[in-house]
Amino acid sequence: MVTAASSQTFQSEWITVKGNYATVKLEYMDEFQKALEAQQKEAAEDYSRFTERVKGGGTSVELTEEQRKYLAGHFDPENMSKLEYQEFLDKLCEFGILDEADKEYLGYGVKGCGLDLTPLGRVRTEAYLSPVRENPMGYTDSFHSSRGSVASWTEYLSGIMSWSEEVNSWQKRPESILFRKVHDVLETISG
């Protein structure tokens, strides 16, 4: 079983697990609802901070020749396993191209478990648009949809936009900006 190690928002005694499903015990429904609302509020605030940071940071990526050679020698943009992709993102963080917090938005998942998990706070319903091209490969923000072709996957995801009520137009999602950074690095090391 995979659990969230960072917080204990939901108490185990509130839940009854039956096979692959869990239900909230009726006597804990109010506490569960309050905890869920608090978590959703915290997640919205985190996402807002993330959005401001990413949009303010730009998309330019500069690698030293040594960094480029290292990445090119250790990673194949068209053939990466999940673990290799995680190690690649770890290196981009080490090189200062990404922040550790960015990994959550780049399909990093939980290292070592082999699962693609979406944090509960990131589950949203909104309209998305990809003006770049159709999606014949069926890419999603799950690493596994890339089937190892990380360069193509990140290129597709870097073009996805969502509707902004604030400016009344389609805008690049913050995740798309990060995927563009990753894609630019992949292009740099594949040439």
N, C-alpha and C. Protein backbone atom coordinates (compact mmCIF):
# COMPACT_ATOMS: atom_id res chain seq x y z
N MET A 1 0.84 -1.18 0.00
CA MET A 1 0.00 0.00 0.00
C MET A 1 0.89 1.24 0.00
N VAL A 2 0.53 2.25 -0.78
CA VAL A 2 1.25 3.50 -0.85
C VAL A 2 0.47 4.53 -0.05
N THR A 3 1.17 5.21 0.84
CA THR A 3 0.51 6.23 1.65
C THR A 3 1.28 7.53 1.53
N ALA A 4 0.62 8.62 1.87
CA ALA A 4 1.27 9.92 1.86
C ALA A 4 2.07 10.06 3.14
N ALA A 5 3.36 10.24 3.00
CA ALA A 5 4.22 10.33 4.17
C ALA A 5 4.28 11.74 4.73
N SER A 6 3.94 12.74 3.93
CA SER A 6 4.14 14.12 4.35
C SER A 6 3.07 14.64 5.30
N SER A 7 1.87 14.12 5.24
CA SER A 7 0.83 14.63 6.12
C SER A 7 -0.13 13.52 6.50
N GLN A 8 -0.81 13.76 7.59
CA GLN A 8 -1.78 12.78 8.08
C GLN A 8 -3.14 13.45 8.09
N THR A 9 -3.58 13.92 6.93
CA THR A 9 -4.85 14.63 6.81
C THR A 9 -6.02 13.74 7.16
N PHE A 10 -6.03 12.53 6.62
CA PHE A 10 -7.13 11.61 6.83
C PHE A 10 -6.68 10.52 7.81
N GLN A 11 -7.46 10.31 8.84
CA GLN A 11 -7.14 9.32 9.86
C GLN A 11 -7.60 7.94 9.42
N SER A 12 -6.80 6.94 9.66
CA SER A 12 -7.12 5.59 9.20
C SER A 12 -8.41 5.05 9.83
N GLU A 13 -8.72 5.49 11.04
CA GLU A 13 -9.94 4.99 11.66
C GLU A 13 -11.21 5.54 11.01
N TRP A 14 -11.10 6.54 10.15
CA TRP A 14 -12.24 7.10 9.44
C TRP A 14 -12.66 6.22 8.26
N ILE A 15 -11.79 5.33 7.86
CA ILE A 15 -11.94 4.62 6.59
C ILE A 15 -12.13 3.12 6.81
N THR A 16 -12.95 2.52 5.99
CA THR A 16 -13.09 1.07 5.92
C THR A 16 -12.62 0.64 4.53
N VAL A 17 -11.63 -0.25 4.49
CA VAL A 17 -11.11 -0.73 3.21
C VAL A 17 -11.72 -2.09 2.90
N LYS A 18 -12.26 -2.19 1.69
CA LYS A 18 -12.85 -3.45 1.23
C LYS A 18 -12.26 -3.75 -0.15
N GLY A 19 -11.30 -4.65 -0.19
CA GLY A 19 -10.63 -4.97 -1.46
C GLY A 19 -9.89 -3.76 -1.98
N ASN A 20 -10.23 -3.32 -3.19
CA ASN A 20 -9.58 -2.16 -3.80
C ASN A 20 -10.30 -0.84 -3.51
N TYR A 21 -11.33 -0.87 -2.69
CA TYR A 21 -12.13 0.31 -2.43
C TYR A 21 -12.09 0.67 -0.96
N ALA A 22 -12.28 1.95 -0.71
CA ALA A 22 -12.37 2.43 0.66
C ALA A 22 -13.61 3.30 0.79
N THR A 23 -14.25 3.22 1.93
CA THR A 23 -15.41 4.07 2.20
C THR A 23 -15.19 4.78 3.52
N VAL A 24 -15.80 5.93 3.66
CA VAL A 24 -15.71 6.69 4.89
C VAL A 24 -16.82 6.22 5.81
N LYS A 25 -16.46 5.94 7.04
CA LYS A 25 -17.46 5.54 8.03
C LYS A 25 -18.38 6.72 8.30
N LEU A 26 -19.67 6.46 8.40
CA LEU A 26 -20.66 7.52 8.56
C LEU A 26 -20.38 8.41 9.77
N GLU A 27 -19.93 7.83 10.87
CA GLU A 27 -19.69 8.63 12.08
C GLU A 27 -18.53 9.60 11.94
N TYR A 28 -17.70 9.43 10.89
CA TYR A 28 -16.56 10.32 10.66
C TYR A 28 -16.73 11.20 9.43
N MET A 29 -17.91 11.18 8.84
CA MET A 29 -18.14 11.91 7.60
C MET A 29 -17.88 13.41 7.75
N ASP A 30 -18.31 14.03 8.85
CA ASP A 30 -18.08 15.47 9.04
C ASP A 30 -16.59 15.79 9.14
N GLU A 31 -15.86 14.99 9.94
CA GLU A 31 -14.42 15.21 10.07
C GLU A 31 -13.72 15.02 8.72
N PHE A 32 -14.14 13.98 7.99
CA PHE A 32 -13.56 13.70 6.68
C PHE A 32 -13.79 14.88 5.73
N GLN A 33 -15.01 15.38 5.70
CA GLN A 33 -15.36 16.50 4.81
C GLN A 33 -14.54 17.74 5.15
N LYS A 34 -14.38 18.04 6.44
CA LYS A 34 -13.58 19.20 6.86
C LYS A 34 -12.12 19.02 6.46
N ALA A 35 -11.59 17.83 6.67
CA ALA A 35 -10.20 17.55 6.29
C ALA A 35 -10.02 17.66 4.78
N LEU A 36 -10.98 17.16 4.02
CA LEU A 36 -10.92 17.23 2.57
C LEU A 36 -10.94 18.68 2.09
N GLU A 37 -11.82 19.48 2.66
CA GLU A 37 -11.91 20.90 2.29
C GLU A 37 -10.62 21.63 2.64
N ALA A 38 -10.05 21.33 3.81
CA ALA A 38 -8.78 21.96 4.21
C ALA A 38 -7.66 21.55 3.25
N GLN A 39 -7.63 20.28 2.87
CA GLN A 39 -6.60 19.82 1.96
C GLN A 39 -6.75 20.47 0.59
N GLN A 40 -7.97 20.58 0.11
CA GLN A 40 -8.22 21.22 -1.18
C GLN A 40 -7.83 22.69 -1.16
N LYS A 41 -8.10 23.37 -0.06
CA LYS A 41 -7.72 24.78 0.08
C LYS A 41 -6.20 24.91 0.08
N GLU A 42 -5.53 24.06 0.83
CA GLU A 42 -4.07 24.08 0.88
C GLU A 42 -3.48 23.77 -0.50
N ALA A 43 -4.05 22.80 -1.19
CA ALA A 43 -3.57 22.44 -2.52
C ALA A 43 -3.76 23.59 -3.50
N ALA A 44 -4.88 24.29 -3.41
CA ALA A 44 -5.13 25.43 -4.30
C ALA A 44 -4.12 26.54 -4.03
N GLU A 45 -3.82 26.79 -2.76
CA GLU A 45 -2.83 27.80 -2.41
C GLU A 45 -1.44 27.40 -2.89
N ASP A 46 -1.08 26.12 -2.73
CA ASP A 46 0.20 25.62 -3.22
C ASP A 46 0.30 25.78 -4.74
N TYR A 47 -0.77 25.44 -5.43
CA TYR A 47 -0.77 25.53 -6.90
C TYR A 47 -0.65 26.99 -7.34
N SER A 48 -1.30 27.89 -6.62
CA SER A 48 -1.21 29.31 -6.94
C SER A 48 0.23 29.80 -6.79
N ARG A 49 0.89 29.42 -5.70
CA ARG A 49 2.30 29.79 -5.50
C ARG A 49 3.18 29.18 -6.59
N PHE A 50 2.91 27.92 -6.92
CA PHE A 50 3.64 27.23 -7.97
C PHE A 50 3.48 27.98 -9.30
N THR A 51 2.26 28.35 -9.62
CA THR A 51 1.97 29.06 -10.87
C THR A 51 2.75 30.37 -10.96
N GLU A 52 2.70 31.14 -9.90
CA GLU A 52 3.41 32.43 -9.89
C GLU A 52 4.92 32.22 -10.04
N ARG A 53 5.47 31.24 -9.35
CA ARG A 53 6.91 30.98 -9.43
C ARG A 53 7.31 30.55 -10.83
N VAL A 54 6.56 29.63 -11.41
CA VAL A 54 6.92 29.10 -12.73
C VAL A 54 6.76 30.17 -13.81
N LYS A 55 5.66 30.89 -13.78
CA LYS A 55 5.44 31.92 -14.81
C LYS A 55 6.44 33.05 -14.68
N GLY A 56 6.92 33.31 -13.49
CA GLY A 56 7.92 34.36 -13.29
C GLY A 56 9.33 33.93 -13.61
N GLY A 57 9.55 32.61 -13.73
CA GLY A 57 10.90 32.10 -13.93
C GLY A 57 11.34 31.97 -15.37
N GLY A 58 10.43 32.11 -16.31
CA GLY A 58 10.81 31.98 -17.71
C GLY A 58 11.08 30.54 -18.12
N THR A 59 11.44 30.38 -19.38
CA THR A 59 11.63 29.03 -19.90
C THR A 59 13.04 28.78 -20.41
N SER A 60 13.90 29.78 -20.39
CA SER A 60 15.24 29.57 -20.96
C SER A 60 16.03 28.60 -20.09
N VAL A 61 16.78 27.75 -20.79
CA VAL A 61 17.60 26.74 -20.13
C VAL A 61 19.02 26.85 -20.67
N GLU A 62 19.96 26.99 -19.77
CA GLU A 62 21.36 27.04 -20.18
C GLU A 62 22.12 25.96 -19.45
N LEU A 63 22.77 25.10 -20.23
CA LEU A 63 23.60 24.04 -19.68
C LEU A 63 25.05 24.37 -19.95
N THR A 64 25.91 24.03 -19.01
CA THR A 64 27.34 24.12 -19.30
C THR A 64 27.68 22.96 -20.24
N GLU A 65 28.81 23.03 -20.89
CA GLU A 65 29.22 21.95 -21.79
C GLU A 65 29.40 20.65 -21.00
N GLU A 66 29.90 20.76 -19.79
CA GLU A 66 30.07 19.58 -18.94
C GLU A 66 28.72 18.95 -18.58
N GLN A 67 27.73 19.77 -18.23
CA GLN A 67 26.40 19.26 -17.92
C GLN A 67 25.76 18.61 -19.14
N ARG A 68 25.90 19.25 -20.31
CA ARG A 68 25.34 18.71 -21.54
C ARG A 68 25.95 17.35 -21.85
N LYS A 69 27.26 17.24 -21.73
CA LYS A 69 27.94 15.97 -22.01
C LYS A 69 27.50 14.89 -21.02
N TYR A 70 27.38 15.26 -19.76
CA TYR A 70 26.95 14.28 -18.75
C TYR A 70 25.56 13.75 -19.10
N LEU A 71 24.62 14.67 -19.34
CA LEU A 71 23.25 14.26 -19.63
C LEU A 71 23.18 13.43 -20.92
N ALA A 72 23.89 13.87 -21.95
CA ALA A 72 23.89 13.14 -23.22
C ALA A 72 24.49 11.75 -23.06
N GLY A 73 25.46 11.60 -22.19
CA GLY A 73 26.10 10.30 -21.98
C GLY A 73 25.32 9.35 -21.09
N HIS A 74 24.36 9.88 -20.34
CA HIS A 74 23.63 9.05 -19.38
C HIS A 74 22.15 8.84 -19.70
N PHE A 75 21.59 9.66 -20.61
CA PHE A 75 20.15 9.59 -20.85
C PHE A 75 19.85 9.62 -22.34
N ASP A 76 18.94 8.76 -22.77
CA ASP A 76 18.50 8.69 -24.15
C ASP A 76 17.10 9.31 -24.23
N PRO A 77 16.94 10.48 -24.83
CA PRO A 77 15.65 11.15 -24.89
C PRO A 77 14.52 10.33 -25.50
N GLU A 78 14.86 9.34 -26.31
CA GLU A 78 13.83 8.53 -26.97
C GLU A 78 13.64 7.16 -26.32
N ASN A 79 14.36 6.90 -25.24
CA ASN A 79 14.23 5.58 -24.61
C ASN A 79 14.66 5.65 -23.15
N MET A 80 13.73 6.02 -22.29
CA MET A 80 14.00 6.10 -20.85
C MET A 80 12.99 5.27 -20.08
N SER A 81 13.48 4.59 -19.07
CA SER A 81 12.59 3.92 -18.12
C SER A 81 12.10 4.97 -17.12
N LYS A 82 11.14 4.60 -16.32
CA LYS A 82 10.62 5.51 -15.29
C LYS A 82 11.74 5.93 -14.35
N LEU A 83 12.56 4.97 -13.92
CA LEU A 83 13.66 5.27 -13.01
C LEU A 83 14.67 6.21 -13.67
N GLU A 84 14.98 5.97 -14.94
CA GLU A 84 15.91 6.86 -15.65
C GLU A 84 15.33 8.27 -15.76
N TYR A 85 14.04 8.37 -16.02
CA TYR A 85 13.41 9.68 -16.10
C TYR A 85 13.49 10.39 -14.75
N GLN A 86 13.25 9.66 -13.67
CA GLN A 86 13.36 10.25 -12.34
C GLN A 86 14.79 10.72 -12.07
N GLU A 87 15.76 9.92 -12.46
CA GLU A 87 17.16 10.30 -12.29
C GLU A 87 17.50 11.53 -13.14
N PHE A 88 16.94 11.60 -14.33
CA PHE A 88 17.14 12.75 -15.21
C PHE A 88 16.60 14.02 -14.54
N LEU A 89 15.38 13.96 -14.00
CA LEU A 89 14.81 15.12 -13.31
C LEU A 89 15.62 15.46 -12.07
N ASP A 90 16.11 14.44 -11.36
CA ASP A 90 16.97 14.69 -10.20
C ASP A 90 18.20 15.51 -10.62
N LYS A 91 18.80 15.14 -11.75
CA LYS A 91 19.97 15.86 -12.26
C LYS A 91 19.61 17.30 -12.63
N LEU A 92 18.45 17.49 -13.26
CA LEU A 92 18.04 18.85 -13.63
C LEU A 92 17.85 19.71 -12.37
N CYS A 93 17.39 19.11 -11.29
CA CYS A 93 17.29 19.83 -10.02
C CYS A 93 18.68 20.13 -9.48
N GLU A 94 19.55 19.15 -9.53
CA GLU A 94 20.93 19.33 -9.07
C GLU A 94 21.63 20.45 -9.85
N PHE A 95 21.35 20.54 -11.16
CA PHE A 95 21.96 21.57 -12.01
C PHE A 95 21.28 22.93 -11.87
N GLY A 96 20.19 23.01 -11.10
CA GLY A 96 19.50 24.28 -10.88
C GLY A 96 18.52 24.65 -11.97
N ILE A 97 18.20 23.73 -12.87
CA ILE A 97 17.26 24.00 -13.96
C ILE A 97 15.82 23.89 -13.46
N LEU A 98 15.59 22.95 -12.57
CA LEU A 98 14.27 22.75 -11.96
C LEU A 98 14.41 22.86 -10.44
N ASP A 99 13.29 23.14 -9.78
CA ASP A 99 13.22 23.08 -8.32
C ASP A 99 12.70 21.70 -7.94
N GLU A 100 13.05 21.24 -6.77
CA GLU A 100 12.57 19.93 -6.29
C GLU A 100 11.05 19.85 -6.36
N ALA A 101 10.37 20.94 -6.02
CA ALA A 101 8.90 20.95 -6.03
C ALA A 101 8.32 20.77 -7.43
N ASP A 102 9.11 21.05 -8.47
CA ASP A 102 8.63 20.92 -9.84
C ASP A 102 8.36 19.46 -10.22
N LYS A 103 9.07 18.54 -9.60
CA LYS A 103 8.95 17.13 -9.97
C LYS A 103 7.51 16.63 -9.88
N GLU A 104 6.78 17.13 -8.91
CA GLU A 104 5.39 16.71 -8.72
C GLU A 104 4.54 16.96 -9.96
N TYR A 105 4.90 17.97 -10.73
CA TYR A 105 4.12 18.38 -11.89
C TYR A 105 4.65 17.80 -13.20
N LEU A 106 5.70 16.99 -13.13
CA LEU A 106 6.36 16.48 -14.32
C LEU A 106 6.29 14.96 -14.45
N GLY A 107 5.33 14.34 -13.80
CA GLY A 107 5.18 12.89 -13.91
C GLY A 107 6.24 12.11 -13.17
N TYR A 108 6.86 12.71 -12.17
CA TYR A 108 7.92 12.06 -11.41
C TYR A 108 7.40 10.87 -10.61
N GLY A 109 6.24 11.04 -10.00
CA GLY A 109 5.65 9.96 -9.20
C GLY A 109 6.41 9.71 -7.91
N VAL A 110 6.29 8.52 -7.39
CA VAL A 110 6.95 8.12 -6.17
C VAL A 110 8.14 7.25 -6.55
N LYS A 111 9.33 7.69 -6.22
CA LYS A 111 10.53 6.98 -6.65
C LYS A 111 10.58 5.60 -6.02
N GLY A 112 10.80 4.62 -6.86
CA GLY A 112 10.96 3.26 -6.39
C GLY A 112 9.69 2.43 -6.35
N CYS A 113 8.51 3.06 -6.50
CA CYS A 113 7.29 2.25 -6.41
C CYS A 113 6.76 1.84 -7.78
N GLY A 114 7.24 2.50 -8.84
CA GLY A 114 6.80 2.12 -10.18
C GLY A 114 5.39 2.56 -10.53
N LEU A 115 4.77 3.35 -9.68
CA LEU A 115 3.39 3.80 -9.93
C LEU A 115 3.39 5.26 -10.33
N ASP A 116 2.44 5.65 -11.16
CA ASP A 116 2.18 7.06 -11.43
C ASP A 116 1.03 7.46 -10.54
N LEU A 117 1.30 8.28 -9.56
CA LEU A 117 0.26 8.71 -8.63
C LEU A 117 0.01 10.20 -8.82
N THR A 118 -1.24 10.60 -8.81
CA THR A 118 -1.60 12.00 -8.87
C THR A 118 -2.00 12.44 -7.47
N PRO A 119 -1.28 13.41 -6.90
CA PRO A 119 -1.68 13.88 -5.58
C PRO A 119 -3.13 14.35 -5.61
N LEU A 120 -3.86 14.05 -4.57
CA LEU A 120 -5.28 14.37 -4.51
C LEU A 120 -5.54 15.85 -4.76
N GLY A 121 -4.68 16.70 -4.25
CA GLY A 121 -4.86 18.14 -4.43
C GLY A 121 -4.72 18.60 -5.85
N ARG A 122 -4.11 17.81 -6.73
CA ARG A 122 -3.92 18.21 -8.13
C ARG A 122 -5.05 17.76 -9.03
N VAL A 123 -6.00 17.01 -8.50
CA VAL A 123 -7.10 16.55 -9.33
C VAL A 123 -8.05 17.72 -9.54
N ARG A 124 -8.17 18.15 -10.81
CA ARG A 124 -9.02 19.29 -11.14
C ARG A 124 -9.84 18.95 -12.37
N THR A 125 -10.92 19.66 -12.50
CA THR A 125 -11.70 19.54 -13.73
C THR A 125 -11.63 20.90 -14.41
N GLU A 126 -10.96 20.95 -15.54
CA GLU A 126 -10.90 22.16 -16.32
C GLU A 126 -10.68 21.78 -17.78
N ALA A 127 -10.97 22.70 -18.65
CA ALA A 127 -10.81 22.43 -20.08
C ALA A 127 -9.36 22.59 -20.48
N TYR A 128 -8.86 21.65 -21.27
CA TYR A 128 -7.50 21.71 -21.78
C TYR A 128 -7.56 21.74 -23.30
N LEU A 129 -6.55 22.33 -23.89
CA LEU A 129 -6.47 22.44 -25.33
C LEU A 129 -5.02 22.25 -25.73
N SER A 130 -4.79 21.52 -26.79
CA SER A 130 -3.46 21.40 -27.35
C SER A 130 -3.47 21.97 -28.75
N PRO A 131 -3.01 23.21 -28.90
CA PRO A 131 -3.01 23.82 -30.22
C PRO A 131 -1.87 23.29 -31.10
N VAL A 132 -0.96 22.54 -30.52
CA VAL A 132 0.22 22.08 -31.22
C VAL A 132 -0.13 21.08 -32.31
N ARG A 133 -0.88 20.05 -31.94
CA ARG A 133 -1.25 19.00 -32.89
C ARG A 133 -2.18 18.02 -32.20
N GLU A 134 -2.68 17.09 -32.96
CA GLU A 134 -3.50 16.03 -32.37
C GLU A 134 -2.62 15.18 -31.46
N ASN A 135 -3.25 14.29 -30.73
CA ASN A 135 -2.55 13.45 -29.79
C ASN A 135 -2.67 11.98 -30.21
N PRO A 136 -2.07 11.60 -31.34
CA PRO A 136 -2.24 10.23 -31.82
C PRO A 136 -1.59 9.19 -30.90
N MET A 137 -0.63 9.61 -30.12
CA MET A 137 0.06 8.68 -29.23
C MET A 137 -0.70 8.48 -27.92
N GLY A 138 -1.72 9.27 -27.67
CA GLY A 138 -2.50 9.13 -26.44
C GLY A 138 -1.74 9.60 -25.21
N TYR A 139 -0.90 10.61 -25.37
CA TYR A 139 -0.12 11.10 -24.23
C TYR A 139 -1.02 11.72 -23.17
N THR A 140 -0.67 11.46 -21.92
CA THR A 140 -1.27 12.12 -20.77
C THR A 140 -0.12 12.65 -19.93
N ASP A 141 -0.40 13.23 -18.77
CA ASP A 141 0.70 13.69 -17.93
C ASP A 141 1.33 12.55 -17.13
N SER A 142 0.89 11.35 -17.35
CA SER A 142 1.48 10.16 -16.74
C SER A 142 2.71 9.74 -17.54
N PHE A 143 3.83 9.52 -16.87
CA PHE A 143 5.05 9.11 -17.56
C PHE A 143 4.82 7.88 -18.41
N HIS A 144 4.04 6.95 -17.93
CA HIS A 144 3.85 5.69 -18.64
C HIS A 144 3.24 5.87 -20.03
N SER A 145 2.52 6.97 -20.25
CA SER A 145 1.96 7.21 -21.58
C SER A 145 3.05 7.53 -22.60
N SER A 146 4.24 7.91 -22.14
CA SER A 146 5.35 8.22 -23.05
C SER A 146 5.94 6.98 -23.69
N ARG A 147 5.74 5.84 -23.05
CA ARG A 147 6.34 4.59 -23.49
C ARG A 147 7.84 4.74 -23.72
N GLY A 148 8.47 5.58 -22.91
CA GLY A 148 9.91 5.79 -22.95
C GLY A 148 10.38 6.88 -23.87
N SER A 149 9.52 7.33 -24.78
CA SER A 149 9.89 8.40 -25.72
C SER A 149 9.66 9.75 -25.06
N VAL A 150 10.56 10.10 -24.16
CA VAL A 150 10.37 11.28 -23.32
C VAL A 150 10.43 12.57 -24.14
N ALA A 151 11.25 12.62 -25.18
CA ALA A 151 11.34 13.83 -26.00
C ALA A 151 10.00 14.15 -26.66
N SER A 152 9.37 13.17 -27.27
CA SER A 152 8.07 13.40 -27.92
C SER A 152 6.99 13.72 -26.90
N TRP A 153 7.01 13.00 -25.79
CA TRP A 153 6.03 13.19 -24.73
C TRP A 153 6.10 14.61 -24.17
N THR A 154 7.31 15.07 -23.85
CA THR A 154 7.45 16.41 -23.27
C THR A 154 7.13 17.50 -24.29
N GLU A 155 7.43 17.24 -25.57
CA GLU A 155 7.07 18.21 -26.60
C GLU A 155 5.55 18.38 -26.67
N TYR A 156 4.84 17.28 -26.66
CA TYR A 156 3.38 17.36 -26.70
C TYR A 156 2.84 18.09 -25.47
N LEU A 157 3.29 17.69 -24.29
CA LEU A 157 2.76 18.27 -23.06
C LEU A 157 3.15 19.73 -22.88
N SER A 158 4.23 20.16 -23.53
CA SER A 158 4.63 21.56 -23.41
C SER A 158 3.70 22.50 -24.18
N GLY A 159 2.86 21.96 -25.04
CA GLY A 159 1.94 22.78 -25.81
C GLY A 159 0.54 22.88 -25.26
N ILE A 160 0.26 22.17 -24.19
CA ILE A 160 -1.11 22.15 -23.66
C ILE A 160 -1.43 23.46 -22.95
N MET A 161 -2.62 23.95 -23.21
CA MET A 161 -3.08 25.21 -22.64
C MET A 161 -4.38 24.97 -21.88
N SER A 162 -4.71 25.88 -20.98
CA SER A 162 -6.00 25.82 -20.30
C SER A 162 -6.64 27.21 -20.34
N TRP A 163 -7.94 27.23 -20.17
CA TRP A 163 -8.68 28.48 -20.22
C TRP A 163 -8.44 29.28 -18.95
N SER A 164 -8.11 30.54 -19.10
CA SER A 164 -7.90 31.44 -17.96
C SER A 164 -9.07 32.41 -17.86
N GLU A 165 -9.80 32.31 -16.78
CA GLU A 165 -10.92 33.24 -16.55
C GLU A 165 -10.39 34.65 -16.30
N GLU A 166 -9.18 34.75 -15.72
CA GLU A 166 -8.61 36.06 -15.40
C GLU A 166 -8.39 36.91 -16.63
N VAL A 167 -7.85 36.32 -17.70
CA VAL A 167 -7.55 37.08 -18.91
C VAL A 167 -8.47 36.71 -20.07
N ASN A 168 -9.41 35.82 -19.81
CA ASN A 168 -10.41 35.42 -20.79
C ASN A 168 -9.79 34.92 -22.10
N SER A 169 -8.79 34.03 -21.93
CA SER A 169 -8.16 33.44 -23.11
C SER A 169 -7.44 32.15 -22.71
N TRP A 170 -6.97 31.43 -23.73
CA TRP A 170 -6.20 30.22 -23.49
C TRP A 170 -4.77 30.61 -23.13
N GLN A 171 -4.24 29.99 -22.08
CA GLN A 171 -2.90 30.29 -21.59
C GLN A 171 -2.13 28.98 -21.39
N LYS A 172 -0.81 29.07 -21.50
CA LYS A 172 0.02 27.90 -21.18
C LYS A 172 -0.17 27.56 -19.71
N ARG A 173 -0.35 26.28 -19.45
CA ARG A 173 -0.42 25.83 -18.06
C ARG A 173 0.99 25.91 -17.46
N PRO A 174 1.11 26.11 -16.16
CA PRO A 174 2.44 26.12 -15.54
C PRO A 174 3.18 24.80 -15.80
N GLU A 175 2.44 23.70 -15.80
CA GLU A 175 3.05 22.40 -16.09
C GLU A 175 3.64 22.39 -17.49
N SER A 176 2.96 23.04 -18.43
CA SER A 176 3.44 23.10 -19.81
C SER A 176 4.76 23.86 -19.90
N ILE A 177 4.90 24.90 -19.09
CA ILE A 177 6.14 25.66 -19.06
C ILE A 177 7.28 24.77 -18.56
N LEU A 178 7.01 23.98 -17.54
CA LEU A 178 8.04 23.06 -17.03
C LEU A 178 8.39 21.99 -18.06
N PHE A 179 7.35 21.43 -18.71
CA PHE A 179 7.62 20.42 -19.73
C PHE A 179 8.43 21.02 -20.88
N ARG A 180 8.24 22.30 -21.20
CA ARG A 180 9.04 22.96 -22.24
C ARG A 180 10.50 23.02 -21.81
N LYS A 181 10.74 23.34 -20.55
CA LYS A 181 12.13 23.36 -20.05
C LYS A 181 12.77 21.99 -20.21
N VAL A 182 12.05 20.97 -19.79
CA VAL A 182 12.59 19.60 -19.88
C VAL A 182 12.82 19.24 -21.34
N HIS A 183 11.87 19.57 -22.20
CA HIS A 183 12.01 19.27 -23.63
C HIS A 183 13.21 19.99 -24.23
N ASP A 184 13.42 21.24 -23.87
CA ASP A 184 14.56 21.99 -24.39
C ASP A 184 15.88 21.34 -23.99
N VAL A 185 15.96 20.83 -22.77
CA VAL A 185 17.18 20.11 -22.35
C VAL A 185 17.34 18.85 -23.19
N LEU A 186 16.26 18.10 -23.38
CA LEU A 186 16.32 16.88 -24.18
C LEU A 186 16.77 17.18 -25.61
N GLU A 187 16.28 18.26 -26.19
CA GLU A 187 16.72 18.64 -27.55
C GLU A 187 18.21 18.97 -27.57
N THR A 188 18.65 19.66 -26.54
CA THR A 188 20.06 20.06 -26.45
C THR A 188 20.98 18.84 -26.38
N ILE A 189 20.57 17.83 -25.62
CA ILE A 189 21.47 16.68 -25.45
C ILE A 189 21.35 15.66 -26.57
N SER A 190 20.31 15.76 -27.40
CA SER A 190 20.17 14.77 -28.46
C SER A 190 20.88 15.19 -29.74
N GLY A 191 21.33 16.41 -29.83
CA GLY A 191 21.96 16.90 -31.06
C GLY A 191 23.40 16.79 -31.05
